Amino acid sequence: LFRRMFYSDKVFMPMSIVFICDFIYNILFYIIRFVLRNKLDF
């Protein structure tokens, strides 16, 4: 979704996107793998 903001010399944006995507992955993984099995130590 952020392809339109693609600039070669800016490193902050891709690093932020990797940071956010990893957060999304871990939150969804936690919800699916742990919350559904009633392991709630978030």
PDB file of all heavy atoms in Angstrom:
ATOM      1  N   LEU A   1       0.817  -1.217   0.000  1.00  0.00           N
ATOM      2  CA  LEU A   1       0.000   0.000   0.000  1.00  0.00           C
ATOM      3  C   LEU A   1       0.850   1.266   0.000  1.00  0.00           C
ATOM      4  O   LEU A   1       0.392   2.325  -0.414  1.00  0.00           O
ATOM      5  CB  LEU A   1      -0.932   0.019   1.216  1.00  0.00           C
ATOM      6  CG  LEU A   1      -2.046  -1.024   1.234  1.00  0.00           C
ATOM      7  CD1 LEU A   1      -2.795  -0.964   2.554  1.00  0.00           C
ATOM      8  CD2 LEU A   1      -2.995  -0.812   0.070  1.00  0.00           C
ATOM      9  N   PHE A   2       2.091   1.162   0.441  1.00  0.00           N
ATOM     10  CA  PHE A   2       2.967   2.318   0.554  1.00  0.00           C
ATOM     11  C   PHE A   2       3.914   2.457  -0.637  1.00  0.00           C
ATOM     12  O   PHE A   2       4.867   3.223  -0.571  1.00  0.00           O
ATOM     13  CB  PHE A   2       3.774   2.226   1.854  1.00  0.00           C
ATOM     14  CG  PHE A   2       2.912   2.310   3.067  1.00  0.00           C
ATOM     15  CD1 PHE A   2       2.485   1.156   3.705  1.00  0.00           C
ATOM     16  CD2 PHE A   2       2.494   3.533   3.547  1.00  0.00           C
ATOM     17  CE1 PHE A   2       1.674   1.229   4.815  1.00  0.00           C
ATOM     18  CE2 PHE A   2       1.681   3.611   4.663  1.00  0.00           C
ATOM     19  CZ  PHE A   2       1.266   2.456   5.295  1.00  0.00           C
ATOM     20  N   ARG A   3       3.638   1.756  -1.717  1.00  0.00           N
ATOM     21  CA  ARG A   3       4.523   1.806  -2.884  1.00  0.00           C
ATOM     22  C   ARG A   3       4.619   3.206  -3.472  1.00  0.00           C
ATOM     23  O   ARG A   3       5.656   3.616  -3.967  1.00  0.00           O
ATOM     24  CB  ARG A   3       4.042   0.835  -3.955  1.00  0.00           C
ATOM     25  CG  ARG A   3       4.956   0.816  -5.162  1.00  0.00           C
ATOM     26  CD  ARG A   3       4.581  -0.299  -6.099  1.00  0.00           C
ATOM     27  NE  ARG A   3       5.555  -0.415  -7.153  1.00  0.00           N
ATOM     28  CZ  ARG A   3       5.333  -0.010  -8.388  1.00  0.00           C
ATOM     29  NH1 ARG A   3       4.182   0.525  -8.718  1.00  0.00           N
ATOM     30  NH2 ARG A   3       6.262  -0.150  -9.296  1.00  0.00           N
ATOM     31  N   ARG A   4       3.566   3.952  -3.402  1.00  0.00           N
ATOM     32  CA  ARG A   4       3.567   5.318  -3.941  1.00  0.00           C
ATOM     33  C   ARG A   4       4.534   6.228  -3.181  1.00  0.00           C
ATOM     34  O   ARG A   4       4.924   7.267  -3.671  1.00  0.00           O
ATOM     35  CB  ARG A   4       2.174   5.911  -3.881  1.00  0.00           C
ATOM     36  CG  ARG A   4       1.151   5.091  -4.610  1.00  0.00           C
ATOM     37  CD  ARG A   4       0.823   5.692  -5.931  1.00  0.00           C
ATOM     38  NE  ARG A   4      -0.262   4.931  -6.549  1.00  0.00           N
ATOM     39  CZ  ARG A   4      -0.131   4.313  -7.689  1.00  0.00           C
ATOM     40  NH1 ARG A   4       1.005   4.347  -8.328  1.00  0.00           N
ATOM     41  NH2 ARG A   4      -1.144   3.645  -8.206  1.00  0.00           N
ATOM     42  N   MET A   5       4.901   5.843  -1.969  1.00  0.00           N
ATOM     43  CA  MET A   5       5.815   6.640  -1.158  1.00  0.00           C
ATOM     44  C   MET A   5       7.243   6.142  -1.272  1.00  0.00           C
ATOM     45  O   MET A   5       8.077   6.473  -0.443  1.00  0.00           O
ATOM     46  CB  MET A   5       5.396   6.579   0.314  1.00  0.00           C
ATOM     47  CG  MET A   5       4.014   7.058   0.571  1.00  0.00           C
ATOM     48  SD  MET A   5       3.567   6.634   2.240  1.00  0.00           S
ATOM     49  CE  MET A   5       2.895   8.160   2.785  1.00  0.00           C
ATOM     50  N   PHE A   6       7.532   5.350  -2.283  1.00  0.00           N
ATOM     51  CA  PHE A   6       8.844   4.720  -2.437  1.00  0.00           C
ATOM     52  C   PHE A   6       9.877   5.746  -2.892  1.00  0.00           C
ATOM     53  O   PHE A   6       9.770   6.323  -3.966  1.00  0.00           O
ATOM     54  CB  PHE A   6       8.751   3.573  -3.439  1.00  0.00           C
ATOM     55  CG  PHE A   6      10.060   2.905  -3.733  1.00  0.00           C
ATOM     56  CD1 PHE A   6      10.792   2.322  -2.720  1.00  0.00           C
ATOM     57  CD2 PHE A   6      10.555   2.861  -5.018  1.00  0.00           C
ATOM     58  CE1 PHE A   6      11.990   1.702  -2.981  1.00  0.00           C
ATOM     59  CE2 PHE A   6      11.746   2.235  -5.293  1.00  0.00           C
ATOM     60  CZ  PHE A   6      12.464   1.666  -4.267  1.00  0.00           C
ATOM     61  N   TYR A   7      10.873   5.983  -2.048  1.00  0.00           N
ATOM     62  CA  TYR A   7      11.991   6.860  -2.372  1.00  0.00           C
ATOM     63  C   TYR A   7      13.276   6.112  -2.066  1.00  0.00           C
ATOM     64  O   TYR A   7      13.402   5.472  -1.025  1.00  0.00           O
ATOM     65  CB  TYR A   7      11.948   8.152  -1.550  1.00  0.00           C
ATOM     66  CG  TYR A   7      10.700   8.958  -1.786  1.00  0.00           C
ATOM     67  CD1 TYR A   7       9.722   9.035  -0.811  1.00  0.00           C
ATOM     68  CD2 TYR A   7      10.502   9.614  -2.985  1.00  0.00           C
ATOM     69  CE1 TYR A   7       8.568   9.770  -1.025  1.00  0.00           C
ATOM     70  CE2 TYR A   7       9.358  10.351  -3.213  1.00  0.00           C
ATOM     71  CZ  TYR A   7       8.392  10.424  -2.228  1.00  0.00           C
ATOM     72  OH  TYR A   7       7.267  11.136  -2.447  1.00  0.00           O
ATOM     73  N   SER A   8      14.229   6.224  -2.947  1.00  0.00           N
ATOM     74  CA  SER A   8      15.441   5.425  -2.811  1.00  0.00           C
ATOM     75  C   SER A   8      16.334   5.865  -1.661  1.00  0.00           C
ATOM     76  O   SER A   8      16.944   5.049  -0.996  1.00  0.00           O
ATOM     77  CB  SER A   8      16.237   5.479  -4.109  1.00  0.00           C
ATOM     78  OG  SER A   8      16.653   6.806  -4.361  1.00  0.00           O
ATOM     79  N   ASP A   9      16.424   7.153  -1.415  1.00  0.00           N
ATOM     80  CA  ASP A   9      17.380   7.630  -0.429  1.00  0.00           C
ATOM     81  C   ASP A   9      16.822   7.651   0.989  1.00  0.00           C
ATOM     82  O   ASP A   9      17.541   7.908   1.935  1.00  0.00           O
ATOM     83  CB  ASP A   9      17.879   9.019  -0.806  1.00  0.00           C
ATOM     84  CG  ASP A   9      16.752  10.017  -0.984  1.00  0.00           C
ATOM     85  OD1 ASP A   9      15.593   9.580  -1.114  1.00  0.00           O
ATOM     86  OD2 ASP A   9      17.026  11.220  -0.993  1.00  0.00           O
ATOM     87  N   LYS A  10      15.565   7.384   1.158  1.00  0.00           N
ATOM     88  CA  LYS A  10      14.942   7.394   2.473  1.00  0.00           C
ATOM     89  C   LYS A  10      14.903   5.974   3.033  1.00  0.00           C
ATOM     90  O   LYS A  10      14.318   5.086   2.446  1.00  0.00           O
ATOM     91  CB  LYS A  10      13.519   7.943   2.407  1.00  0.00           C
ATOM     92  CG  LYS A  10      13.404   9.286   1.743  1.00  0.00           C
ATOM     93  CD  LYS A  10      14.081  10.364   2.552  1.00  0.00           C
ATOM     94  CE  LYS A  10      13.851  11.696   1.885  1.00  0.00           C
ATOM     95  NZ  LYS A  10      14.833  12.671   2.198  1.00  0.00           N
ATOM     96  N   VAL A  11      15.527   5.774   4.179  1.00  0.00           N
ATOM     97  CA  VAL A  11      15.585   4.452   4.799  1.00  0.00           C
ATOM     98  C   VAL A  11      14.546   4.324   5.905  1.00  0.00           C
ATOM     99  O   VAL A  11      14.155   3.221   6.263  1.00  0.00           O
ATOM    100  CB  VAL A  11      17.007   4.197   5.358  1.00  0.00           C
ATOM    101  CG1 VAL A  11      17.117   2.869   6.034  1.00  0.00           C
ATOM    102  CG2 VAL A  11      18.028   4.303   4.247  1.00  0.00           C
ATOM    103  N   PHE A  12      14.062   5.439   6.403  1.00  0.00           N
ATOM    104  CA  PHE A  12      13.112   5.406   7.514  1.00  0.00           C
ATOM    105  C   PHE A  12      11.810   4.706   7.136  1.00  0.00           C
ATOM    106  O   PHE A  12      11.274   3.924   7.922  1.00  0.00           O
ATOM    107  CB  PHE A  12      12.826   6.833   7.999  1.00  0.00           C
ATOM    108  CG  PHE A  12      11.824   6.881   9.099  1.00  0.00           C
ATOM    109  CD1 PHE A  12      12.170   6.475  10.384  1.00  0.00           C
ATOM    110  CD2 PHE A  12      10.528   7.314   8.862  1.00  0.00           C
ATOM    111  CE1 PHE A  12      11.239   6.507  11.410  1.00  0.00           C
ATOM    112  CE2 PHE A  12       9.596   7.342   9.874  1.00  0.00           C
ATOM    113  CZ  PHE A  12       9.946   6.946  11.152  1.00  0.00           C
ATOM    114  N   MET A  13      11.291   4.974   5.955  1.00  0.00           N
ATOM    115  CA  MET A  13      10.007   4.403   5.558  1.00  0.00           C
ATOM    116  C   MET A  13      10.059   2.877   5.439  1.00  0.00           C
ATOM    117  O   MET A  13       9.202   2.200   6.015  1.00  0.00           O
ATOM    118  CB  MET A  13       9.537   5.052   4.252  1.00  0.00           C
ATOM    119  CG  MET A  13       8.141   4.698   3.907  1.00  0.00           C
ATOM    120  SD  MET A  13       7.011   5.394   5.124  1.00  0.00           S
ATOM    121  CE  MET A  13       5.479   4.947   4.418  1.00  0.00           C
ATOM    122  N   PRO A  14      11.008   2.282   4.703  1.00  0.00           N
ATOM    123  CA  PRO A  14      11.014   0.815   4.640  1.00  0.00           C
ATOM    124  C   PRO A  14      11.294   0.167   5.995  1.00  0.00           C
ATOM    125  O   PRO A  14      10.732  -0.884   6.303  1.00  0.00           O
ATOM    126  CB  PRO A  14      12.109   0.485   3.635  1.00  0.00           C
ATOM    127  CG  PRO A  14      12.870   1.705   3.429  1.00  0.00           C
ATOM    128  CD  PRO A  14      11.997   2.851   3.810  1.00  0.00           C
ATOM    129  N   MET A  15      12.135   0.796   6.806  1.00  0.00           N
ATOM    130  CA  MET A  15      12.402   0.255   8.130  1.00  0.00           C
ATOM    131  C   MET A  15      11.133   0.306   8.982  1.00  0.00           C
ATOM    132  O   MET A  15      10.835  -0.643   9.719  1.00  0.00           O
ATOM    133  CB  MET A  15      13.524   1.037   8.802  1.00  0.00           C
ATOM    134  CG  MET A  15      14.030   0.386  10.054  1.00  0.00           C
ATOM    135  SD  MET A  15      15.409   1.251  10.780  1.00  0.00           S
ATOM    136  CE  MET A  15      14.600   2.660  11.485  1.00  0.00           C
ATOM    137  N   SER A  16      10.373   1.383   8.877  1.00  0.00           N
ATOM    138  CA  SER A  16       9.112   1.493   9.613  1.00  0.00           C
ATOM    139  C   SER A  16       8.099   0.466   9.136  1.00  0.00           C
ATOM    140  O   SER A  16       7.376  -0.124   9.946  1.00  0.00           O
ATOM    141  CB  SER A  16       8.517   2.888   9.444  1.00  0.00           C
ATOM    142  OG  SER A  16       9.395   3.853   9.910  1.00  0.00           O
ATOM    143  N   ILE A  17       8.051   0.244   7.839  1.00  0.00           N
ATOM    144  CA  ILE A  17       7.111  -0.739   7.300  1.00  0.00           C
ATOM    145  C   ILE A  17       7.476  -2.147   7.755  1.00  0.00           C
ATOM    146  O   ILE A  17       6.605  -2.932   8.119  1.00  0.00           O
ATOM    147  CB  ILE A  17       7.046  -0.629   5.762  1.00  0.00           C
ATOM    148  CG1 ILE A  17       6.336   0.668   5.390  1.00  0.00           C
ATOM    149  CG2 ILE A  17       6.347  -1.823   5.148  1.00  0.00           C
ATOM    150  CD1 ILE A  17       6.358   0.992   3.938  1.00  0.00           C
ATOM    151  N   VAL A  18       8.756  -2.473   7.759  1.00  0.00           N
ATOM    152  CA  VAL A  18       9.190  -3.782   8.260  1.00  0.00           C
ATOM    153  C   VAL A  18       8.821  -3.911   9.736  1.00  0.00           C
ATOM    154  O   VAL A  18       8.331  -4.959  10.175  1.00  0.00           O
ATOM    155  CB  VAL A  18      10.708  -3.975   8.042  1.00  0.00           C
ATOM    156  CG1 VAL A  18      11.215  -5.193   8.782  1.00  0.00           C
ATOM    157  CG2 VAL A  18      11.021  -4.094   6.564  1.00  0.00           C
ATOM    158  N   PHE A  19       9.023  -2.863  10.496  1.00  0.00           N
ATOM    159  CA  PHE A  19       8.698  -2.842  11.924  1.00  0.00           C
ATOM    160  C   PHE A  19       7.206  -3.097  12.136  1.00  0.00           C
ATOM    161  O   PHE A  19       6.807  -3.944  12.946  1.00  0.00           O
ATOM    162  CB  PHE A  19       9.121  -1.489  12.498  1.00  0.00           C
ATOM    163  CG  PHE A  19       9.101  -1.402  13.986  1.00  0.00           C
ATOM    164  CD1 PHE A  19      10.147  -1.901  14.739  1.00  0.00           C
ATOM    165  CD2 PHE A  19       8.044  -0.784  14.637  1.00  0.00           C
ATOM    166  CE1 PHE A  19      10.153  -1.798  16.124  1.00  0.00           C
ATOM    167  CE2 PHE A  19       8.030  -0.676  16.013  1.00  0.00           C
ATOM    168  CZ  PHE A  19       9.083  -1.193  16.759  1.00  0.00           C
ATOM    169  N   ILE A  20       6.366  -2.390  11.386  1.00  0.00           N
ATOM    170  CA  ILE A  20       4.912  -2.524  11.529  1.00  0.00           C
ATOM    171  C   ILE A  20       4.441  -3.889  11.036  1.00  0.00           C
ATOM    172  O   ILE A  20       3.591  -4.522  11.669  1.00  0.00           O
ATOM    173  CB  ILE A  20       4.196  -1.377  10.793  1.00  0.00           C
ATOM    174  CG1 ILE A  20       4.472  -0.056  11.496  1.00  0.00           C
ATOM    175  CG2 ILE A  20       2.700  -1.623  10.703  1.00  0.00           C
ATOM    176  CD1 ILE A  20       4.059   1.165  10.706  1.00  0.00           C
ATOM    177  N   CYS A  21       4.976  -4.359   9.913  1.00  0.00           N
ATOM    178  CA  CYS A  21       4.575  -5.671   9.393  1.00  0.00           C
ATOM    179  C   CYS A  21       4.957  -6.790  10.356  1.00  0.00           C
ATOM    180  O   CYS A  21       4.202  -7.748  10.534  1.00  0.00           O
ATOM    181  CB  CYS A  21       5.195  -5.918   8.025  1.00  0.00           C
ATOM    182  SG  CYS A  21       4.422  -4.995   6.699  1.00  0.00           S
ATOM    183  N   ASP A  22       6.109  -6.679  10.980  1.00  0.00           N
ATOM    184  CA  ASP A  22       6.502  -7.684  11.961  1.00  0.00           C
ATOM    185  C   ASP A  22       5.581  -7.627  13.175  1.00  0.00           C
ATOM    186  O   ASP A  22       5.227  -8.669  13.743  1.00  0.00           O
ATOM    187  CB  ASP A  22       7.959  -7.479  12.371  1.00  0.00           C
ATOM    188  CG  ASP A  22       8.545  -8.706  13.025  1.00  0.00           C
ATOM    189  OD1 ASP A  22       8.193  -9.823  12.610  1.00  0.00           O
ATOM    190  OD2 ASP A  22       9.356  -8.557  13.953  1.00  0.00           O
ATOM    191  N   PHE A  23       5.157  -6.429  13.562  1.00  0.00           N
ATOM    192  CA  PHE A  23       4.194  -6.294  14.654  1.00  0.00           C
ATOM    193  C   PHE A  23       2.859  -6.940  14.281  1.00  0.00           C
ATOM    194  O   PHE A  23       2.276  -7.676  15.083  1.00  0.00           O
ATOM    195  CB  PHE A  23       4.008  -4.820  15.015  1.00  0.00           C
ATOM    196  CG  PHE A  23       3.055  -4.588  16.138  1.00  0.00           C
ATOM    197  CD1 PHE A  23       3.429  -4.892  17.441  1.00  0.00           C
ATOM    198  CD2 PHE A  23       1.791  -4.069  15.908  1.00  0.00           C
ATOM    199  CE1 PHE A  23       2.540  -4.688  18.501  1.00  0.00           C
ATOM    200  CE2 PHE A  23       0.912  -3.865  16.944  1.00  0.00           C
ATOM    201  CZ  PHE A  23       1.282  -4.168  18.246  1.00  0.00           C
ATOM    202  N   ILE A  24       2.383  -6.669  13.064  1.00  0.00           N
ATOM    203  CA  ILE A  24       1.129  -7.275  12.593  1.00  0.00           C
ATOM    204  C   ILE A  24       1.234  -8.798  12.612  1.00  0.00           C
ATOM    205  O   ILE A  24       0.327  -9.495  13.082  1.00  0.00           O
ATOM    206  CB  ILE A  24       0.785  -6.768  11.174  1.00  0.00           C
ATOM    207  CG1 ILE A  24       0.386  -5.299  11.208  1.00  0.00           C
ATOM    208  CG2 ILE A  24      -0.332  -7.611  10.542  1.00  0.00           C
ATOM    209  CD1 ILE A  24       0.281  -4.661   9.836  1.00  0.00           C
ATOM    210  N   TYR A  25       2.355  -9.312  12.104  1.00  0.00           N
ATOM    211  CA  TYR A  25       2.564 -10.758  12.085  1.00  0.00           C
ATOM    212  C   TYR A  25       2.516 -11.335  13.497  1.00  0.00           C
ATOM    213  O   TYR A  25       1.819 -12.330  13.754  1.00  0.00           O
ATOM    214  CB  TYR A  25       3.907 -11.087  11.427  1.00  0.00           C
ATOM    215  CG  TYR A  25       4.366 -12.501  11.662  1.00  0.00           C
ATOM    216  CD1 TYR A  25       3.778 -13.555  10.976  1.00  0.00           C
ATOM    217  CD2 TYR A  25       5.369 -12.784  12.574  1.00  0.00           C
ATOM    218  CE1 TYR A  25       4.187 -14.859  11.196  1.00  0.00           C
ATOM    219  CE2 TYR A  25       5.783 -14.080  12.791  1.00  0.00           C
ATOM    220  CZ  TYR A  25       5.190 -15.114  12.101  1.00  0.00           C
ATOM    221  OH  TYR A  25       5.596 -16.396  12.330  1.00  0.00           O
ATOM    222  N   ASN A  26       3.238 -10.732  14.421  1.00  0.00           N
ATOM    223  CA  ASN A  26       3.297 -11.263  15.782  1.00  0.00           C
ATOM    224  C   ASN A  26       1.962 -11.154  16.510  1.00  0.00           C
ATOM    225  O   ASN A  26       1.588 -12.063  17.256  1.00  0.00           O
ATOM    226  CB  ASN A  26       4.396 -10.563  16.580  1.00  0.00           C
ATOM    227  CG  ASN A  26       5.750 -11.125  16.262  1.00  0.00           C
ATOM    228  OD1 ASN A  26       5.950 -12.323  16.321  1.00  0.00           O
ATOM    229  ND2 ASN A  26       6.684 -10.260  15.898  1.00  0.00           N
ATOM    230  N   ILE A  27       1.236 -10.074  16.305  1.00  0.00           N
ATOM    231  CA  ILE A  27      -0.080  -9.929  16.948  1.00  0.00           C
ATOM    232  C   ILE A  27      -1.053 -10.965  16.392  1.00  0.00           C
ATOM    233  O   ILE A  27      -1.754 -11.650  17.157  1.00  0.00           O
ATOM    234  CB  ILE A  27      -0.631  -8.498  16.766  1.00  0.00           C
ATOM    235  CG1 ILE A  27       0.200  -7.509  17.567  1.00  0.00           C
ATOM    236  CG2 ILE A  27      -2.104  -8.408  17.141  1.00  0.00           C
ATOM    237  CD1 ILE A  27       0.166  -7.728  19.073  1.00  0.00           C
ATOM    238  N   LEU A  28      -1.124 -11.105  15.066  1.00  0.00           N
ATOM    239  CA  LEU A  28      -2.019 -12.109  14.484  1.00  0.00           C
ATOM    240  C   LEU A  28      -1.609 -13.519  14.883  1.00  0.00           C
ATOM    241  O   LEU A  28      -2.460 -14.371  15.167  1.00  0.00           O
ATOM    242  CB  LEU A  28      -2.057 -11.961  12.962  1.00  0.00           C
ATOM    243  CG  LEU A  28      -2.761 -10.716  12.435  1.00  0.00           C
ATOM    244  CD1 LEU A  28      -2.627 -10.630  10.923  1.00  0.00           C
ATOM    245  CD2 LEU A  28      -4.215 -10.718  12.837  1.00  0.00           C
ATOM    246  N   PHE A  29      -0.317 -13.779  14.921  1.00  0.00           N
ATOM    247  CA  PHE A  29       0.171 -15.090  15.337  1.00  0.00           C
ATOM    248  C   PHE A  29      -0.208 -15.354  16.799  1.00  0.00           C
ATOM    249  O   PHE A  29      -0.640 -16.457  17.151  1.00  0.00           O
ATOM    250  CB  PHE A  29       1.693 -15.171  15.154  1.00  0.00           C
ATOM    251  CG  PHE A  29       2.240 -16.550  15.286  1.00  0.00           C
ATOM    252  CD1 PHE A  29       2.173 -17.434  14.226  1.00  0.00           C
ATOM    253  CD2 PHE A  29       2.829 -16.966  16.468  1.00  0.00           C
ATOM    254  CE1 PHE A  29       2.675 -18.719  14.334  1.00  0.00           C
ATOM    255  CE2 PHE A  29       3.333 -18.243  16.589  1.00  0.00           C
ATOM    256  CZ  PHE A  29       3.258 -19.128  15.522  1.00  0.00           C
ATOM    257  N   TYR A  30      -0.073 -14.354  17.643  1.00  0.00           N
ATOM    258  CA  TYR A  30      -0.450 -14.510  19.049  1.00  0.00           C
ATOM    259  C   TYR A  30      -1.938 -14.795  19.177  1.00  0.00           C
ATOM    260  O   TYR A  30      -2.342 -15.686  19.931  1.00  0.00           O
ATOM    261  CB  TYR A  30      -0.084 -13.255  19.843  1.00  0.00           C
ATOM    262  CG  TYR A  30      -0.565 -13.290  21.265  1.00  0.00           C
ATOM    263  CD1 TYR A  30       0.101 -14.040  22.223  1.00  0.00           C
ATOM    264  CD2 TYR A  30      -1.707 -12.593  21.650  1.00  0.00           C
ATOM    265  CE1 TYR A  30      -0.349 -14.098  23.533  1.00  0.00           C
ATOM    266  CE2 TYR A  30      -2.162 -12.637  22.950  1.00  0.00           C
ATOM    267  CZ  TYR A  30      -1.495 -13.389  23.885  1.00  0.00           C
ATOM    268  OH  TYR A  30      -1.943 -13.452  25.169  1.00  0.00           O
ATOM    269  N   ILE A  31      -2.755 -14.052  18.453  1.00  0.00           N
ATOM    270  CA  ILE A  31      -4.208 -14.246  18.542  1.00  0.00           C
ATOM    271  C   ILE A  31      -4.589 -15.641  18.085  1.00  0.00           C
ATOM    272  O   ILE A  31      -5.345 -16.346  18.753  1.00  0.00           O
ATOM    273  CB  ILE A  31      -4.949 -13.164  17.721  1.00  0.00           C
ATOM    274  CG1 ILE A  31      -4.817 -11.812  18.415  1.00  0.00           C
ATOM    275  CG2 ILE A  31      -6.419 -13.521  17.542  1.00  0.00           C
ATOM    276  CD1 ILE A  31      -5.293 -10.641  17.581  1.00  0.00           C
ATOM    277  N   ILE A  32      -4.057 -16.058  16.945  1.00  0.00           N
ATOM    278  CA  ILE A  32      -4.466 -17.350  16.389  1.00  0.00           C
ATOM    279  C   ILE A  32      -3.888 -18.522  17.174  1.00  0.00           C
ATOM    280  O   ILE A  32      -4.564 -19.522  17.405  1.00  0.00           O
ATOM    281  CB  ILE A  32      -4.072 -17.426  14.902  1.00  0.00           C
ATOM    282  CG1 ILE A  32      -4.896 -16.413  14.105  1.00  0.00           C
ATOM    283  CG2 ILE A  32      -4.271 -18.824  14.354  1.00  0.00           C
ATOM    284  CD1 ILE A  32      -4.445 -16.222  12.679  1.00  0.00           C
ATOM    285  N   ARG A  33      -2.628 -18.420  17.584  1.00  0.00           N
ATOM    286  CA  ARG A  33      -1.977 -19.559  18.223  1.00  0.00           C
ATOM    287  C   ARG A  33      -2.167 -19.627  19.736  1.00  0.00           C
ATOM    288  O   ARG A  33      -2.164 -20.713  20.299  1.00  0.00           O
ATOM    289  CB  ARG A  33      -0.479 -19.547  17.913  1.00  0.00           C
ATOM    290  CG  ARG A  33      -0.164 -19.705  16.461  1.00  0.00           C
ATOM    291  CD  ARG A  33      -0.526 -21.044  15.958  1.00  0.00           C
ATOM    292  NE  ARG A  33       0.332 -22.035  16.590  1.00  0.00           N
ATOM    293  CZ  ARG A  33       0.365 -23.296  16.276  1.00  0.00           C
ATOM    294  NH1 ARG A  33      -0.411 -23.751  15.350  1.00  0.00           N
ATOM    295  NH2 ARG A  33       1.160 -24.111  16.896  1.00  0.00           N
ATOM    296  N   PHE A  34      -2.307 -18.497  20.412  1.00  0.00           N
ATOM    297  CA  PHE A  34      -2.336 -18.523  21.874  1.00  0.00           C
ATOM    298  C   PHE A  34      -3.688 -18.126  22.459  1.00  0.00           C
ATOM    299  O   PHE A  34      -4.173 -18.796  23.369  1.00  0.00           O
ATOM    300  CB  PHE A  34      -1.240 -17.624  22.448  1.00  0.00           C
ATOM    301  CG  PHE A  34       0.139 -18.104  22.103  1.00  0.00           C
ATOM    302  CD1 PHE A  34       0.949 -17.372  21.260  1.00  0.00           C
ATOM    303  CD2 PHE A  34       0.627 -19.293  22.607  1.00  0.00           C
ATOM    304  CE1 PHE A  34       2.216 -17.806  20.932  1.00  0.00           C
ATOM    305  CE2 PHE A  34       1.894 -19.749  22.286  1.00  0.00           C
ATOM    306  CZ  PHE A  34       2.686 -19.000  21.450  1.00  0.00           C
ATOM    307  N   VAL A  35      -4.283 -17.065  21.978  1.00  0.00           N
ATOM    308  CA  VAL A  35      -5.547 -16.614  22.554  1.00  0.00           C
ATOM    309  C   VAL A  35      -6.640 -17.653  22.332  1.00  0.00           C
ATOM    310  O   VAL A  35      -7.437 -17.921  23.232  1.00  0.00           O
ATOM    311  CB  VAL A  35      -5.959 -15.239  21.982  1.00  0.00           C
ATOM    312  CG1 VAL A  35      -7.367 -14.863  22.393  1.00  0.00           C
ATOM    313  CG2 VAL A  35      -4.981 -14.174  22.430  1.00  0.00           C
ATOM    314  N   LEU A  36      -6.649 -18.257  21.168  1.00  0.00           N
ATOM    315  CA  LEU A  36      -7.679 -19.273  20.900  1.00  0.00           C
ATOM    316  C   LEU A  36      -7.486 -20.526  21.742  1.00  0.00           C
ATOM    317  O   LEU A  36      -8.402 -21.329  21.874  1.00  0.00           O
ATOM    318  CB  LEU A  36      -7.693 -19.625  19.412  1.00  0.00           C
ATOM    319  CG  LEU A  36      -8.125 -18.485  18.489  1.00  0.00           C
ATOM    320  CD1 LEU A  36      -8.067 -18.920  17.043  1.00  0.00           C
ATOM    321  CD2 LEU A  36      -9.519 -18.003  18.846  1.00  0.00           C
ATOM    322  N   ARG A  37      -6.308 -20.702  22.337  1.00  0.00           N
ATOM    323  CA  ARG A  37      -6.066 -21.825  23.248  1.00  0.00           C
ATOM    324  C   ARG A  37      -6.071 -21.372  24.708  1.00  0.00           C
ATOM    325  O   ARG A  37      -5.599 -22.090  25.573  1.00  0.00           O
ATOM    326  CB  ARG A  37      -4.733 -22.500  22.917  1.00  0.00           C
ATOM    327  CG  ARG A  37      -4.768 -23.200  21.589  1.00  0.00           C
ATOM    328  CD  ARG A  37      -3.547 -24.027  21.357  1.00  0.00           C
ATOM    329  NE  ARG A  37      -2.350 -23.187  21.326  1.00  0.00           N
ATOM    330  CZ  ARG A  37      -1.142 -23.626  21.582  1.00  0.00           C
ATOM    331  NH1 ARG A  37      -0.942 -24.880  21.887  1.00  0.00           N
ATOM    332  NH2 ARG A  37      -0.108 -22.813  21.529  1.00  0.00           N
ATOM    333  N   ASN A  38      -6.588 -20.160  24.952  1.00  0.00           N
ATOM    334  CA  ASN A  38      -6.752 -19.592  26.285  1.00  0.00           C
ATOM    335  C   ASN A  38      -5.422 -19.400  27.013  1.00  0.00           C
ATOM    336  O   ASN A  38      -5.342 -19.582  28.219  1.00  0.00           O
ATOM    337  CB  ASN A  38      -7.721 -20.443  27.112  1.00  0.00           C
ATOM    338  CG  ASN A  38      -8.338 -19.650  28.239  1.00  0.00           C
ATOM    339  OD1 ASN A  38      -8.358 -18.422  28.195  1.00  0.00           O
ATOM    340  ND2 ASN A  38      -8.834 -20.350  29.242  1.00  0.00           N
ATOM    341  N   LYS A  39      -4.389 -19.032  26.289  1.00  0.00           N
ATOM    342  CA  LYS A  39      -3.107 -18.649  26.894  1.00  0.00           C
ATOM    343  C   LYS A  39      -3.001 -17.142  26.746  1.00  0.00           C
ATOM    344  O   LYS A  39      -2.656 -16.635  25.692  1.00  0.00           O
ATOM    345  CB  LYS A  39      -1.960 -19.367  26.216  1.00  0.00           C
ATOM    346  CG  LYS A  39      -2.054 -20.858  26.396  1.00  0.00           C
ATOM    347  CD  LYS A  39      -0.842 -21.560  25.927  1.00  0.00           C
ATOM    348  CE  LYS A  39      -1.050 -23.036  26.193  1.00  0.00           C
ATOM    349  NZ  LYS A  39       0.137 -23.792  26.169  1.00  0.00           N
ATOM    350  N   LEU A  40      -3.291 -16.432  27.813  1.00  0.00           N
ATOM    351  CA  LEU A  40      -3.540 -14.998  27.729  1.00  0.00           C
ATOM    352  C   LEU A  40      -2.462 -14.121  28.354  1.00  0.00           C
ATOM    353  O   LEU A  40      -2.738 -12.998  28.723  1.00  0.00           O
ATOM    354  CB  LEU A  40      -4.886 -14.679  28.393  1.00  0.00           C
ATOM    355  CG  LEU A  40      -6.084 -15.434  27.818  1.00  0.00           C
ATOM    356  CD1 LEU A  40      -7.315 -15.158  28.631  1.00  0.00           C
ATOM    357  CD2 LEU A  40      -6.288 -15.057  26.365  1.00  0.00           C
ATOM    358  N   ASP A  41      -1.249 -14.569  28.459  1.00  0.00           N
ATOM    359  CA  ASP A  41      -0.184 -13.755  29.039  1.00  0.00           C
ATOM    360  C   ASP A  41       0.464 -12.892  27.947  1.00  0.00           C
ATOM    361  O   ASP A  41       1.593 -13.117  27.528  1.00  0.00           O
ATOM    362  CB  ASP A  41       0.853 -14.653  29.714  1.00  0.00           C
ATOM    363  CG  ASP A  41       1.747 -13.879  30.642  1.00  0.00           C
ATOM    364  OD1 ASP A  41       1.499 -12.672  30.834  1.00  0.00           O
ATOM    365  OD2 ASP A  41       2.700 -14.475  31.172  1.00  0.00           O
ATOM    366  N   PHE A  42      -0.289 -11.879  27.499  1.00  0.00           N
ATOM    367  CA  PHE A  42       0.153 -11.048  26.384  1.00  0.00           C
ATOM    368  C   PHE A  42       1.382 -10.210  26.729  1.00  0.00           C
ATOM    369  O   PHE A  42       2.267 -10.044  25.895  1.00  0.00           O
ATOM    370  CB  PHE A  42      -0.986 -10.141  25.910  1.00  0.00           C
ATOM    371  CG  PHE A  42      -0.588  -9.232  24.799  1.00  0.00           C
ATOM    372  CD1 PHE A  42      -0.364  -9.732  23.529  1.00  0.00           C
ATOM    373  CD2 PHE A  42      -0.406  -7.877  25.018  1.00  0.00           C
ATOM    374  CE1 PHE A  42       0.026  -8.896  22.495  1.00  0.00           C
ATOM    375  CE2 PHE A  42      -0.022  -7.035  23.988  1.00  0.00           C
ATOM    376  CZ  PHE A  42       0.194  -7.553  22.722  1.00  0.00           C
TER     377      PHE A  42
END
